[in-house]
Each structure stands twice: as structure tokens, then as C-alpha cells.
Amino acid sequence: MIYSDDLLAVAKRIFWFATPEEALEFPKRFLTYAMTYASDEDIEILRKYFSDDDFKATLGDPAPGIFDQSSWVKWNERYNRIPVPPLPRRQIPGVDPTTVPDFFPLQVLNWKCNNTK
């Protein structure tokens, strides 16, 4: 597939560990990285190529292990997903997720985000 130069440049900045073409091969994974690491300027460029529905779909089923807490809260609030659902967690075969501690509970983060504006 042929991509525009500005889209490839954004992909290179936010998906630094592979080629831009590899980044764009899986749009949901790419948007998950973008929503976590892209600058406001990069997001404006991405909006030329991805719709609000694409961003919302990424929130609905993000690639696990990429979003950080503050980005997760920011994007969920942007699309009025309140209360913010729990951050997606990786599923590790043979590990009971209820035994893994949550080092960044959402209640604490929501309080922090709402009290620093």
C-alpha cells in the first residue's frame, strides 16, 4: 500500500522500533501507540486519515499493554466514556489476572486528573 509522506513521518515518530509501513499494517495497534505517544500536531495529521470512529474503535478494543493510565483517561474522556473503564490488561496464559496487583488504580488516577486541571 502507498502512504502519504506526512502519515509515514508520524508513524516513524511514534512507532520508532519498526518501519512506518510495519506500523501502519495493523491500524488498531498503530492508533493505540498514537493515542499514547503522538503529539497534538501528530494527532491532527492522523485525523486526515483516521476518523473519530477509528479512534473510538481503538478505545473499544485496544492493543493491550500499550496505553498508559493518563492517555487512557484522556482519550476516554475525550469520547465521553465516563466512567472511564479499567485499563486493558494483557492476558498471560496460566496467570490468574485477579492475583496480579494493580499498581495504578483508576480511582486514584481519576482523582489526580480531575484535581490538576
N, C-alpha and C. Protein backbone atom coordinates (compact mmCIF):
# COMPACT_ATOMS: atom_id res chain seq x y z
N MET A 1 0.84 -1.18 0.00
CA MET A 1 0.00 0.00 0.00
C MET A 1 0.89 1.25 0.00
N ILE A 2 0.42 2.29 -0.63
CA ILE A 2 1.17 3.54 -0.70
C ILE A 2 0.59 4.52 0.32
N TYR A 3 1.47 5.08 1.16
CA TYR A 3 1.06 6.03 2.20
C TYR A 3 1.64 7.40 1.90
N SER A 4 0.98 8.43 2.39
CA SER A 4 1.47 9.80 2.20
C SER A 4 2.71 10.03 3.06
N ASP A 5 3.49 11.01 2.66
CA ASP A 5 4.72 11.33 3.39
C ASP A 5 4.45 11.78 4.82
N ASP A 6 3.37 12.58 5.01
CA ASP A 6 3.11 13.06 6.37
C ASP A 6 2.65 11.92 7.30
N LEU A 7 1.89 10.98 6.77
CA LEU A 7 1.47 9.83 7.57
C LEU A 7 2.67 8.94 7.92
N LEU A 8 3.54 8.73 6.97
CA LEU A 8 4.76 7.93 7.23
C LEU A 8 5.65 8.61 8.26
N ALA A 9 5.74 9.93 8.20
CA ALA A 9 6.56 10.67 9.16
C ALA A 9 6.01 10.52 10.58
N VAL A 10 4.70 10.60 10.72
CA VAL A 10 4.09 10.40 12.05
C VAL A 10 4.33 8.98 12.52
N ALA A 11 4.12 8.02 11.64
CA ALA A 11 4.34 6.61 12.01
C ALA A 11 5.77 6.38 12.46
N LYS A 12 6.71 7.01 11.81
CA LYS A 12 8.12 6.84 12.19
C LYS A 12 8.39 7.42 13.59
N ARG A 13 7.75 8.54 13.91
CA ARG A 13 7.97 9.17 15.23
C ARG A 13 7.38 8.36 16.38
N ILE A 14 6.19 7.81 16.17
CA ILE A 14 5.52 7.16 17.30
C ILE A 14 5.72 5.65 17.34
N PHE A 15 6.22 5.07 16.29
CA PHE A 15 6.44 3.62 16.21
C PHE A 15 7.91 3.42 15.84
N TRP A 16 8.78 3.89 16.72
CA TRP A 16 10.20 4.03 16.45
C TRP A 16 10.95 2.72 16.29
N PHE A 17 10.39 1.61 16.72
CA PHE A 17 11.10 0.33 16.76
C PHE A 17 10.86 -0.53 15.54
N ALA A 18 10.13 0.00 14.56
CA ALA A 18 9.89 -0.74 13.31
C ALA A 18 9.73 0.29 12.19
N THR A 19 9.55 -0.20 11.00
CA THR A 19 9.37 0.72 9.88
C THR A 19 7.98 1.35 9.94
N PRO A 20 7.81 2.52 9.35
CA PRO A 20 6.47 3.14 9.31
C PRO A 20 5.44 2.24 8.62
N GLU A 21 5.86 1.54 7.58
CA GLU A 21 4.95 0.65 6.88
C GLU A 21 4.48 -0.49 7.79
N GLU A 22 5.40 -1.02 8.60
CA GLU A 22 5.02 -2.06 9.56
C GLU A 22 4.06 -1.50 10.60
N ALA A 23 4.28 -0.26 11.01
CA ALA A 23 3.41 0.38 11.99
C ALA A 23 1.98 0.46 11.46
N LEU A 24 1.85 0.83 10.21
CA LEU A 24 0.52 1.06 9.62
C LEU A 24 -0.17 -0.23 9.17
N GLU A 25 0.55 -1.33 9.21
CA GLU A 25 -0.01 -2.61 8.78
C GLU A 25 -1.20 -3.05 9.65
N PHE A 26 -1.16 -2.69 10.93
CA PHE A 26 -2.23 -3.04 11.87
C PHE A 26 -2.77 -1.75 12.47
N PRO A 27 -3.81 -1.19 11.87
CA PRO A 27 -4.30 0.14 12.27
C PRO A 27 -4.66 0.27 13.74
N LYS A 28 -5.30 -0.74 14.33
CA LYS A 28 -5.69 -0.63 15.74
C LYS A 28 -4.45 -0.52 16.63
N ARG A 29 -3.46 -1.34 16.35
CA ARG A 29 -2.22 -1.25 17.14
C ARG A 29 -1.56 0.10 16.92
N PHE A 30 -1.52 0.56 15.68
CA PHE A 30 -0.92 1.85 15.37
C PHE A 30 -1.64 2.98 16.11
N LEU A 31 -2.97 2.98 16.07
CA LEU A 31 -3.71 4.04 16.76
C LEU A 31 -3.53 3.96 18.27
N THR A 32 -3.39 2.76 18.81
CA THR A 32 -3.13 2.64 20.24
C THR A 32 -1.81 3.32 20.59
N TYR A 33 -0.76 3.09 19.81
CA TYR A 33 0.51 3.78 20.02
C TYR A 33 0.34 5.29 19.82
N ALA A 34 -0.40 5.68 18.79
CA ALA A 34 -0.59 7.11 18.52
C ALA A 34 -1.30 7.79 19.67
N MET A 35 -2.33 7.15 20.20
CA MET A 35 -3.10 7.75 21.28
C MET A 35 -2.30 7.81 22.58
N THR A 36 -1.22 7.07 22.64
CA THR A 36 -0.36 7.09 23.82
C THR A 36 0.84 8.01 23.65
N TYR A 37 1.44 8.03 22.46
CA TYR A 37 2.72 8.71 22.28
C TYR A 37 2.72 9.91 21.33
N ALA A 38 1.68 10.07 20.51
CA ALA A 38 1.71 11.13 19.50
C ALA A 38 1.50 12.51 20.12
N SER A 39 2.12 13.49 19.51
CA SER A 39 1.91 14.89 19.91
C SER A 39 0.56 15.36 19.37
N ASP A 40 0.11 16.51 19.85
CA ASP A 40 -1.13 17.09 19.33
C ASP A 40 -1.02 17.35 17.83
N GLU A 41 0.14 17.76 17.38
CA GLU A 41 0.34 18.01 15.95
C GLU A 41 0.24 16.71 15.16
N ASP A 42 0.80 15.63 15.70
CA ASP A 42 0.71 14.33 15.03
C ASP A 42 -0.74 13.87 14.95
N ILE A 43 -1.50 14.08 16.02
CA ILE A 43 -2.90 13.68 16.03
C ILE A 43 -3.68 14.44 14.96
N GLU A 44 -3.38 15.72 14.78
CA GLU A 44 -4.05 16.49 13.73
C GLU A 44 -3.78 15.89 12.35
N ILE A 45 -2.57 15.44 12.12
CA ILE A 45 -2.24 14.79 10.85
C ILE A 45 -3.01 13.48 10.72
N LEU A 46 -3.03 12.71 11.80
CA LEU A 46 -3.72 11.41 11.76
C LEU A 46 -5.21 11.56 11.50
N ARG A 47 -5.79 12.67 11.95
CA ARG A 47 -7.22 12.88 11.74
C ARG A 47 -7.57 13.04 10.26
N LYS A 48 -6.58 13.31 9.43
CA LYS A 48 -6.82 13.34 7.98
C LYS A 48 -7.01 11.93 7.42
N TYR A 49 -6.51 10.94 8.12
CA TYR A 49 -6.51 9.56 7.61
C TYR A 49 -7.36 8.60 8.43
N PHE A 50 -7.67 8.97 9.66
CA PHE A 50 -8.46 8.11 10.55
C PHE A 50 -9.63 8.93 11.09
N SER A 51 -10.79 8.32 11.14
CA SER A 51 -12.00 9.00 11.60
C SER A 51 -12.14 8.89 13.12
N ASP A 52 -13.09 9.67 13.67
CA ASP A 52 -13.41 9.52 15.08
C ASP A 52 -13.84 8.09 15.39
N ASP A 53 -14.56 7.48 14.46
CA ASP A 53 -14.98 6.09 14.67
C ASP A 53 -13.78 5.16 14.78
N ASP A 54 -12.70 5.44 14.04
CA ASP A 54 -11.48 4.63 14.15
C ASP A 54 -10.86 4.78 15.54
N PHE A 55 -10.82 6.01 16.04
CA PHE A 55 -10.27 6.24 17.37
C PHE A 55 -11.15 5.57 18.44
N LYS A 56 -12.47 5.71 18.30
CA LYS A 56 -13.39 5.09 19.25
C LYS A 56 -13.27 3.57 19.22
N ALA A 57 -13.14 3.00 18.03
CA ALA A 57 -12.99 1.55 17.92
C ALA A 57 -11.72 1.08 18.61
N THR A 58 -10.68 1.89 18.53
CA THR A 58 -9.43 1.55 19.21
C THR A 58 -9.64 1.55 20.72
N LEU A 59 -10.38 2.51 21.24
CA LEU A 59 -10.69 2.51 22.67
C LEU A 59 -11.53 1.30 23.07
N GLY A 60 -12.40 0.87 22.18
CA GLY A 60 -13.26 -0.27 22.47
C GLY A 60 -12.53 -1.59 22.52
N ASP A 61 -11.43 -1.68 21.81
CA ASP A 61 -10.67 -2.94 21.76
C ASP A 61 -9.20 -2.63 21.48
N PRO A 62 -8.51 -1.96 22.42
CA PRO A 62 -7.13 -1.54 22.16
C PRO A 62 -6.15 -2.71 22.23
N ALA A 63 -5.03 -2.52 21.56
CA ALA A 63 -3.94 -3.48 21.72
C ALA A 63 -3.48 -3.38 23.17
N PRO A 64 -3.44 -4.50 23.90
CA PRO A 64 -3.11 -4.44 25.33
C PRO A 64 -1.64 -4.12 25.58
N GLY A 65 -1.41 -3.49 26.73
CA GLY A 65 -0.04 -3.24 27.17
C GLY A 65 0.60 -2.00 26.59
N ILE A 66 -0.15 -1.19 25.86
CA ILE A 66 0.42 0.00 25.23
C ILE A 66 -0.03 1.28 25.93
N PHE A 67 -1.33 1.42 26.16
CA PHE A 67 -1.83 2.62 26.81
C PHE A 67 -1.23 2.77 28.20
N ASP A 68 -0.87 4.01 28.55
CA ASP A 68 -0.56 4.32 29.95
C ASP A 68 -1.83 4.90 30.56
N GLN A 69 -1.86 5.01 31.87
CA GLN A 69 -3.07 5.44 32.56
C GLN A 69 -3.54 6.83 32.11
N SER A 70 -2.64 7.79 32.05
CA SER A 70 -3.08 9.15 31.73
C SER A 70 -3.61 9.25 30.30
N SER A 71 -3.00 8.56 29.35
CA SER A 71 -3.51 8.57 27.97
C SER A 71 -4.86 7.87 27.90
N TRP A 72 -5.00 6.78 28.63
CA TRP A 72 -6.27 6.04 28.65
C TRP A 72 -7.40 6.94 29.16
N VAL A 73 -7.15 7.63 30.25
CA VAL A 73 -8.17 8.52 30.82
C VAL A 73 -8.46 9.67 29.85
N LYS A 74 -7.43 10.29 29.31
CA LYS A 74 -7.60 11.42 28.39
C LYS A 74 -8.49 11.06 27.20
N TRP A 75 -8.21 9.95 26.54
CA TRP A 75 -8.95 9.58 25.34
C TRP A 75 -10.36 9.11 25.67
N ASN A 76 -10.52 8.42 26.78
CA ASN A 76 -11.87 8.02 27.17
C ASN A 76 -12.72 9.24 27.51
N GLU A 77 -12.15 10.20 28.20
CA GLU A 77 -12.89 11.43 28.50
C GLU A 77 -13.20 12.21 27.22
N ARG A 78 -12.26 12.23 26.28
CA ARG A 78 -12.49 12.94 25.02
C ARG A 78 -13.72 12.39 24.29
N TYR A 79 -13.93 11.08 24.38
CA TYR A 79 -15.06 10.46 23.71
C TYR A 79 -16.20 10.13 24.68
N ASN A 80 -16.23 10.83 25.81
CA ASN A 80 -17.32 10.74 26.78
C ASN A 80 -17.59 9.33 27.28
N ARG A 81 -16.54 8.55 27.42
CA ARG A 81 -16.67 7.21 28.01
C ARG A 81 -16.45 7.35 29.51
N ILE A 82 -17.51 7.82 30.19
CA ILE A 82 -17.46 8.11 31.61
C ILE A 82 -18.51 7.24 32.29
N PRO A 83 -18.20 6.54 33.35
CA PRO A 83 -16.87 6.49 33.97
C PRO A 83 -15.89 5.76 33.07
N VAL A 84 -14.64 6.13 33.21
CA VAL A 84 -13.58 5.52 32.40
C VAL A 84 -13.46 4.05 32.77
N PRO A 85 -13.53 3.18 31.77
CA PRO A 85 -13.38 1.75 32.07
C PRO A 85 -11.95 1.42 32.51
N PRO A 86 -11.77 0.27 33.13
CA PRO A 86 -10.42 -0.12 33.55
C PRO A 86 -9.48 -0.23 32.34
N LEU A 87 -8.25 0.07 32.58
CA LEU A 87 -7.22 -0.05 31.56
C LEU A 87 -7.11 -1.52 31.12
N PRO A 88 -7.07 -1.77 29.82
CA PRO A 88 -6.95 -3.16 29.36
C PRO A 88 -5.67 -3.80 29.89
N ARG A 89 -5.75 -5.08 30.17
CA ARG A 89 -4.60 -5.80 30.69
C ARG A 89 -4.24 -6.93 29.75
N ARG A 90 -2.97 -7.22 29.67
CA ARG A 90 -2.53 -8.37 28.88
C ARG A 90 -3.03 -9.65 29.54
N GLN A 91 -3.38 -10.61 28.72
CA GLN A 91 -3.76 -11.92 29.21
C GLN A 91 -2.54 -12.83 29.08
N ILE A 92 -2.04 -13.29 30.20
CA ILE A 92 -0.87 -14.16 30.21
C ILE A 92 -1.35 -15.58 30.51
N PRO A 93 -1.10 -16.52 29.58
CA PRO A 93 -1.56 -17.89 29.81
C PRO A 93 -1.01 -18.44 31.12
N GLY A 94 -1.91 -19.06 31.88
CA GLY A 94 -1.51 -19.68 33.14
C GLY A 94 -1.45 -18.73 34.32
N VAL A 95 -1.77 -17.44 34.12
CA VAL A 95 -1.74 -16.48 35.22
C VAL A 95 -3.16 -15.99 35.47
N ASP A 96 -3.60 -16.12 36.71
CA ASP A 96 -4.91 -15.63 37.11
C ASP A 96 -4.83 -14.12 37.27
N PRO A 97 -5.54 -13.34 36.43
CA PRO A 97 -5.42 -11.87 36.49
C PRO A 97 -5.83 -11.28 37.83
N THR A 98 -6.63 -12.00 38.61
CA THR A 98 -7.04 -11.46 39.91
C THR A 98 -5.90 -11.51 40.93
N THR A 99 -4.83 -12.24 40.61
CA THR A 99 -3.69 -12.32 41.53
C THR A 99 -2.61 -11.29 41.21
N VAL A 100 -2.79 -10.55 40.12
CA VAL A 100 -1.79 -9.55 39.71
C VAL A 100 -2.19 -8.21 40.31
N PRO A 101 -1.30 -7.58 41.11
CA PRO A 101 -1.67 -6.31 41.73
C PRO A 101 -1.83 -5.19 40.71
N ASP A 102 -2.71 -4.26 41.03
CA ASP A 102 -2.91 -3.07 40.20
C ASP A 102 -2.11 -1.94 40.84
N PHE A 103 -0.98 -1.62 40.25
CA PHE A 103 -0.10 -0.61 40.81
C PHE A 103 -0.59 0.81 40.54
N PHE A 104 -1.54 0.95 39.62
CA PHE A 104 -2.06 2.27 39.26
C PHE A 104 -3.58 2.22 39.25
N PRO A 105 -4.22 2.15 40.41
CA PRO A 105 -5.67 2.06 40.43
C PRO A 105 -6.33 3.26 39.79
N LEU A 106 -7.36 3.00 39.03
CA LEU A 106 -8.04 4.04 38.25
C LEU A 106 -8.67 5.10 39.15
N GLN A 107 -9.17 4.73 40.32
CA GLN A 107 -9.80 5.71 41.19
C GLN A 107 -8.79 6.80 41.59
N VAL A 108 -7.58 6.41 41.91
CA VAL A 108 -6.55 7.38 42.29
C VAL A 108 -6.20 8.25 41.10
N LEU A 109 -6.06 7.64 39.92
CA LEU A 109 -5.71 8.40 38.73
C LEU A 109 -6.82 9.37 38.35
N ASN A 110 -8.09 8.93 38.42
CA ASN A 110 -9.19 9.84 38.11
C ASN A 110 -9.20 11.02 39.04
N TRP A 111 -8.96 10.80 40.33
CA TRP A 111 -8.91 11.89 41.28
C TRP A 111 -7.78 12.85 40.91
N LYS A 112 -6.62 12.30 40.58
CA LYS A 112 -5.47 13.13 40.24
C LYS A 112 -5.76 13.96 38.97
N CYS A 113 -6.33 13.33 37.94
CA CYS A 113 -6.63 14.03 36.69
C CYS A 113 -7.66 15.14 36.92
N ASN A 114 -8.65 14.86 37.74
CA ASN A 114 -9.72 15.84 37.97
C ASN A 114 -9.28 16.98 38.87
N ASN A 115 -8.20 16.80 39.62
CA ASN A 115 -7.76 17.83 40.55
C ASN A 115 -6.50 18.57 40.09
N THR A 116 -6.08 18.36 38.85
CA THR A 116 -4.90 19.06 38.34
C THR A 116 -5.22 19.94 37.15
N LYS A 117 -6.49 20.14 36.88
CA LYS A 117 -6.88 20.95 35.72
C LYS A 117 -6.89 22.42 36.06
